[in-house]
C-alpha atoms as a PDB file:
ATOM      1  CA  UNK A   1     -29.108  -7.931 -31.058  1.00  0.00           C
ATOM      2  CA  UNK A   2     -27.048  -7.381 -34.188  1.00  0.00           C
ATOM      3  CA  UNK A   3     -24.316  -9.892 -35.049  1.00  0.00           C
ATOM      4  CA  UNK A   4     -22.789  -8.161 -38.051  1.00  0.00           C
ATOM      5  CA  UNK A   5     -20.132  -5.527 -37.392  1.00  0.00           C
ATOM      6  CA  UNK A   6     -21.716  -2.902 -39.673  1.00  0.00           C
ATOM      7  CA  UNK A   7     -25.114  -3.396 -37.989  1.00  0.00           C
ATOM      8  CA  UNK A   8     -23.514  -2.827 -34.572  1.00  0.00           C
ATOM      9  CA  UNK A   9     -21.946   0.383 -35.860  1.00  0.00           C
ATOM     10  CA  UNK A  10     -25.290   1.570 -37.260  1.00  0.00           C
ATOM     11  CA  UNK A  11     -26.870   1.062 -33.833  1.00  0.00           C
ATOM     12  CA  UNK A  12     -24.192   3.283 -32.243  1.00  0.00           C
ATOM     13  CA  UNK A  13     -24.606   5.944 -34.948  1.00  0.00           C
ATOM     14  CA  UNK A  14     -28.396   5.936 -34.557  1.00  0.00           C
ATOM     15  CA  UNK A  15     -28.069   6.381 -30.780  1.00  0.00           C
ATOM     16  CA  UNK A  16     -25.778   9.378 -31.309  1.00  0.00           C
ATOM     17  CA  UNK A  17     -28.118  10.987 -33.833  1.00  0.00           C
ATOM     18  CA  UNK A  18     -31.159  10.312 -31.643  1.00  0.00           C
ATOM     19  CA  UNK A  19     -29.465  12.077 -28.735  1.00  0.00           C
ATOM     20  CA  UNK A  20     -28.606  15.070 -30.941  1.00  0.00           C
ATOM     21  CA  UNK A  21     -32.177  15.262 -32.241  1.00  0.00           C
ATOM     22  CA  UNK A  22     -33.561  15.160 -28.692  1.00  0.00           C
ATOM     23  CA  UNK A  23     -31.256  18.003 -27.643  1.00  0.00           C
ATOM     24  CA  UNK A  24     -32.288  20.180 -30.574  1.00  0.00           C
ATOM     25  CA  UNK A  25     -36.017  19.501 -30.087  1.00  0.00           C
ATOM     26  CA  UNK A  26     -35.717  20.248 -26.371  1.00  0.00           C
ATOM     27  CA  UNK A  27     -33.975  23.542 -27.162  1.00  0.00           C
ATOM     28  CA  UNK A  28     -36.747  24.450 -29.618  1.00  0.00           C
ATOM     29  CA  UNK A  29     -39.440  23.755 -27.033  1.00  0.00           C
ATOM     30  CA  UNK A  30     -37.638  25.986 -24.540  1.00  0.00           C
ATOM     31  CA  UNK A  31     -37.358  28.821 -27.063  1.00  0.00           C
ATOM     32  CA  UNK A  32     -41.053  28.548 -27.935  1.00  0.00           C
ATOM     33  CA  UNK A  33     -41.945  28.662 -24.228  1.00  0.00           C
ATOM     34  CA  UNK A  34     -39.858  31.836 -23.834  1.00  0.00           C
ATOM     35  CA  UNK A  35     -41.719  33.381 -26.774  1.00  0.00           C
ATOM     36  CA  UNK A  36     -45.094  32.439 -25.303  1.00  0.00           C
ATOM     37  CA  UNK A  37     -44.059  33.865 -21.916  1.00  0.00           C
ATOM     38  CA  UNK A  38     -43.155  37.167 -23.572  1.00  0.00           C
ATOM     39  CA  UNK A  39     -46.548  37.214 -25.310  1.00  0.00           C
ATOM     40  CA  UNK A  40     -48.336  36.511 -22.003  1.00  0.00           C
ATOM     41  CA  UNK A  41     -46.401  39.334 -20.351  1.00  0.00           C
ATOM     42  CA  UNK A  42     -47.493  41.670 -23.158  1.00  0.00           C
ATOM     43  CA  UNK A  43     -43.918  42.638 -24.032  1.00  0.00           C
ATOM     44  CA  UNK A  44     -44.112  42.985 -27.803  1.00  0.00           C
ATOM     45  CA  UNK A  45     -40.456  43.907 -28.377  1.00  0.00           C
ATOM     46  CA  UNK A  46     -39.239  40.911 -26.382  1.00  0.00           C
ATOM     47  CA  UNK A  47     -41.752  38.653 -28.157  1.00  0.00           C
ATOM     48  CA  UNK A  48     -40.534  39.904 -31.548  1.00  0.00           C
ATOM     49  CA  UNK A  49     -36.933  39.193 -30.555  1.00  0.00           C
ATOM     50  CA  UNK A  50     -37.850  35.699 -29.347  1.00  0.00           C
ATOM     51  CA  UNK A  51     -39.777  35.049 -32.567  1.00  0.00           C
ATOM     52  CA  UNK A  52     -36.669  35.924 -34.565  1.00  0.00           C
ATOM     53  CA  UNK A  53     -34.595  33.427 -32.551  1.00  0.00           C
ATOM     54  CA  UNK A  54     -37.305  30.731 -32.777  1.00  0.00           C
ATOM     55  CA  UNK A  55     -37.650  31.166 -36.526  1.00  0.00           C
ATOM     56  CA  UNK A  56     -33.909  30.851 -37.032  1.00  0.00           C
ATOM     57  CA  UNK A  57     -33.557  27.732 -34.898  1.00  0.00           C
ATOM     58  CA  UNK A  58     -36.629  26.074 -36.420  1.00  0.00           C
ATOM     59  CA  UNK A  59     -35.276  26.708 -39.924  1.00  0.00           C
ATOM     60  CA  UNK A  60     -31.930  25.171 -38.948  1.00  0.00           C
ATOM     61  CA  UNK A  61     -33.719  22.089 -37.614  1.00  0.00           C
ATOM     62  CA  UNK A  62     -35.588  21.729 -40.917  1.00  0.00           C
ATOM     63  CA  UNK A  63     -32.369  22.145 -42.913  1.00  0.00           C
ATOM     64  CA  UNK A  64     -30.642  19.423 -40.892  1.00  0.00           C
ATOM     65  CA  UNK A  65     -33.590  17.072 -41.276  1.00  0.00           C
ATOM     66  CA  UNK A  66     -34.408  16.992 -37.567  1.00  0.00           C
ATOM     67  CA  UNK A  67     -37.934  18.242 -38.228  1.00  0.00           C
ATOM     68  CA  UNK A  68     -40.026  18.127 -41.399  1.00  0.00           C
ATOM     69  CA  UNK A  69     -40.081  21.373 -43.368  1.00  0.00           C
ATOM     70  CA  UNK A  70     -43.887  21.583 -43.361  1.00  0.00           C
ATOM     71  CA  UNK A  71     -43.995  21.138 -39.586  1.00  0.00           C
ATOM     72  CA  UNK A  72     -41.479  23.935 -39.170  1.00  0.00           C
ATOM     73  CA  UNK A  73     -43.393  26.144 -41.571  1.00  0.00           C
ATOM     74  CA  UNK A  74     -46.629  25.563 -39.653  1.00  0.00           C
ATOM     75  CA  UNK A  75     -44.996  26.343 -36.295  1.00  0.00           C
ATOM     76  CA  UNK A  76     -43.413  29.548 -37.606  1.00  0.00           C
ATOM     77  CA  UNK A  77     -46.732  30.610 -39.114  1.00  0.00           C
ATOM     78  CA  UNK A  78     -48.609  30.053 -35.864  1.00  0.00           C
ATOM     79  CA  UNK A  79     -45.991  31.878 -33.799  1.00  0.00           C
ATOM     80  CA  UNK A  80     -46.089  34.815 -36.222  1.00  0.00           C
ATOM     81  CA  UNK A  81     -49.873  34.908 -36.061  1.00  0.00           C
ATOM     82  CA  UNK A  82     -49.693  34.989 -32.250  1.00  0.00           C
ATOM     83  CA  UNK A  83     -47.322  37.959 -32.396  1.00  0.00           C
ATOM     84  CA  UNK A  84     -49.518  39.791 -34.923  1.00  0.00           C
ATOM     85  CA  UNK A  85     -52.570  39.379 -32.679  1.00  0.00           C
ATOM     86  CA  UNK A  86     -50.761  41.406 -30.002  1.00  0.00           C
ATOM     87  CA  UNK A  87     -50.890  44.555 -32.161  1.00  0.00           C
END
Protein backbone atom coordinates (compact mmCIF):
# COMPACT_ATOMS: atom_id res chain seq x y z
CA UNK A 1 0.00 0.00 0.00
CA UNK A 2 1.20 3.49 -0.84
CA UNK A 3 2.36 5.76 1.98
CA UNK A 4 2.95 8.96 0.03
CA UNK A 5 -0.04 11.23 -0.54
CA UNK A 6 0.59 11.64 -4.29
CA UNK A 7 0.87 7.85 -4.72
CA UNK A 8 -2.50 7.39 -2.97
CA UNK A 9 -4.04 9.94 -5.32
CA UNK A 10 -2.57 8.17 -8.36
CA UNK A 11 -4.18 4.92 -7.21
CA UNK A 12 -7.59 6.63 -7.05
CA UNK A 13 -7.10 8.23 -10.48
CA UNK A 14 -6.04 4.91 -12.02
CA UNK A 15 -9.14 3.20 -10.59
CA UNK A 16 -11.36 5.89 -12.13
CA UNK A 17 -9.69 5.62 -15.53
CA UNK A 18 -9.79 1.82 -15.43
CA UNK A 19 -13.53 1.93 -14.80
CA UNK A 20 -14.04 4.36 -17.70
CA UNK A 21 -11.97 2.17 -20.02
CA UNK A 22 -13.97 -0.91 -19.04
CA UNK A 23 -17.24 0.90 -19.77
CA UNK A 24 -16.07 2.03 -23.20
CA UNK A 25 -14.71 -1.41 -24.14
CA UNK A 26 -17.93 -3.06 -22.99
CA UNK A 27 -19.95 -0.63 -25.12
CA UNK A 28 -17.75 -1.40 -28.14
CA UNK A 29 -18.25 -5.14 -27.70
CA UNK A 30 -22.01 -4.63 -27.56
CA UNK A 31 -21.99 -2.53 -30.73
CA UNK A 32 -19.91 -5.13 -32.57
CA UNK A 33 -22.33 -7.87 -31.47
CA UNK A 34 -25.25 -5.82 -32.83
CA UNK A 35 -23.40 -5.47 -36.15
CA UNK A 36 -22.71 -9.20 -36.30
CA UNK A 37 -26.36 -9.95 -35.49
CA UNK A 38 -27.47 -7.73 -38.38
CA UNK A 39 -25.06 -9.56 -40.70
CA UNK A 40 -26.38 -12.95 -39.53
CA UNK A 41 -29.94 -11.77 -40.15
CA UNK A 42 -28.94 -10.73 -43.68
CA UNK A 43 -30.15 -7.15 -43.19
CA UNK A 44 -27.58 -5.20 -45.17
CA UNK A 45 -29.00 -1.72 -44.49
CA UNK A 46 -29.07 -2.34 -40.74
CA UNK A 47 -25.55 -3.82 -40.87
CA UNK A 48 -24.29 -0.76 -42.76
CA UNK A 49 -25.85 1.53 -40.15
CA UNK A 50 -24.30 -0.49 -37.31
CA UNK A 51 -20.92 -0.43 -39.06
CA UNK A 52 -21.09 3.36 -39.20
CA UNK A 53 -21.78 3.53 -35.44
CA UNK A 54 -19.05 0.96 -34.66
CA UNK A 55 -16.49 2.80 -36.77
CA UNK A 56 -17.25 6.09 -35.04
CA UNK A 57 -17.04 4.67 -31.53
CA UNK A 58 -13.87 2.69 -32.28
CA UNK A 59 -12.21 5.82 -33.67
CA UNK A 60 -13.16 7.76 -30.53
CA UNK A 61 -11.65 5.03 -28.36
CA UNK A 62 -8.40 5.24 -30.35
CA UNK A 63 -8.34 9.04 -30.07
CA UNK A 64 -8.77 8.88 -26.30
CA UNK A 65 -6.05 6.26 -25.96
CA UNK A 66 -8.39 3.55 -24.67
CA UNK A 67 -7.42 1.24 -27.53
CA UNK A 68 -4.34 1.24 -29.75
CA UNK A 69 -4.85 2.83 -33.15
CA UNK A 70 -3.64 -0.26 -35.04
CA UNK A 71 -6.05 -2.48 -33.11
CA UNK A 72 -8.91 -0.16 -33.98
CA UNK A 73 -7.83 -0.03 -37.61
CA UNK A 74 -7.73 -3.83 -37.79
CA UNK A 75 -11.18 -4.19 -36.22
CA UNK A 76 -12.72 -1.62 -38.57
CA UNK A 77 -11.10 -3.33 -41.55
CA UNK A 78 -12.45 -6.74 -40.57
CA UNK A 79 -15.95 -5.40 -39.92
CA UNK A 80 -15.93 -3.65 -43.30
CA UNK A 81 -14.77 -6.82 -45.02
CA UNK A 82 -17.62 -8.74 -43.36
CA UNK A 83 -20.13 -6.20 -44.67
CA UNK A 84 -18.64 -6.30 -48.18
CA UNK A 85 -18.93 -10.10 -48.28
CA UNK A 86 -22.71 -9.72 -47.89
CA UNK A 87 -23.00 -8.10 -51.34
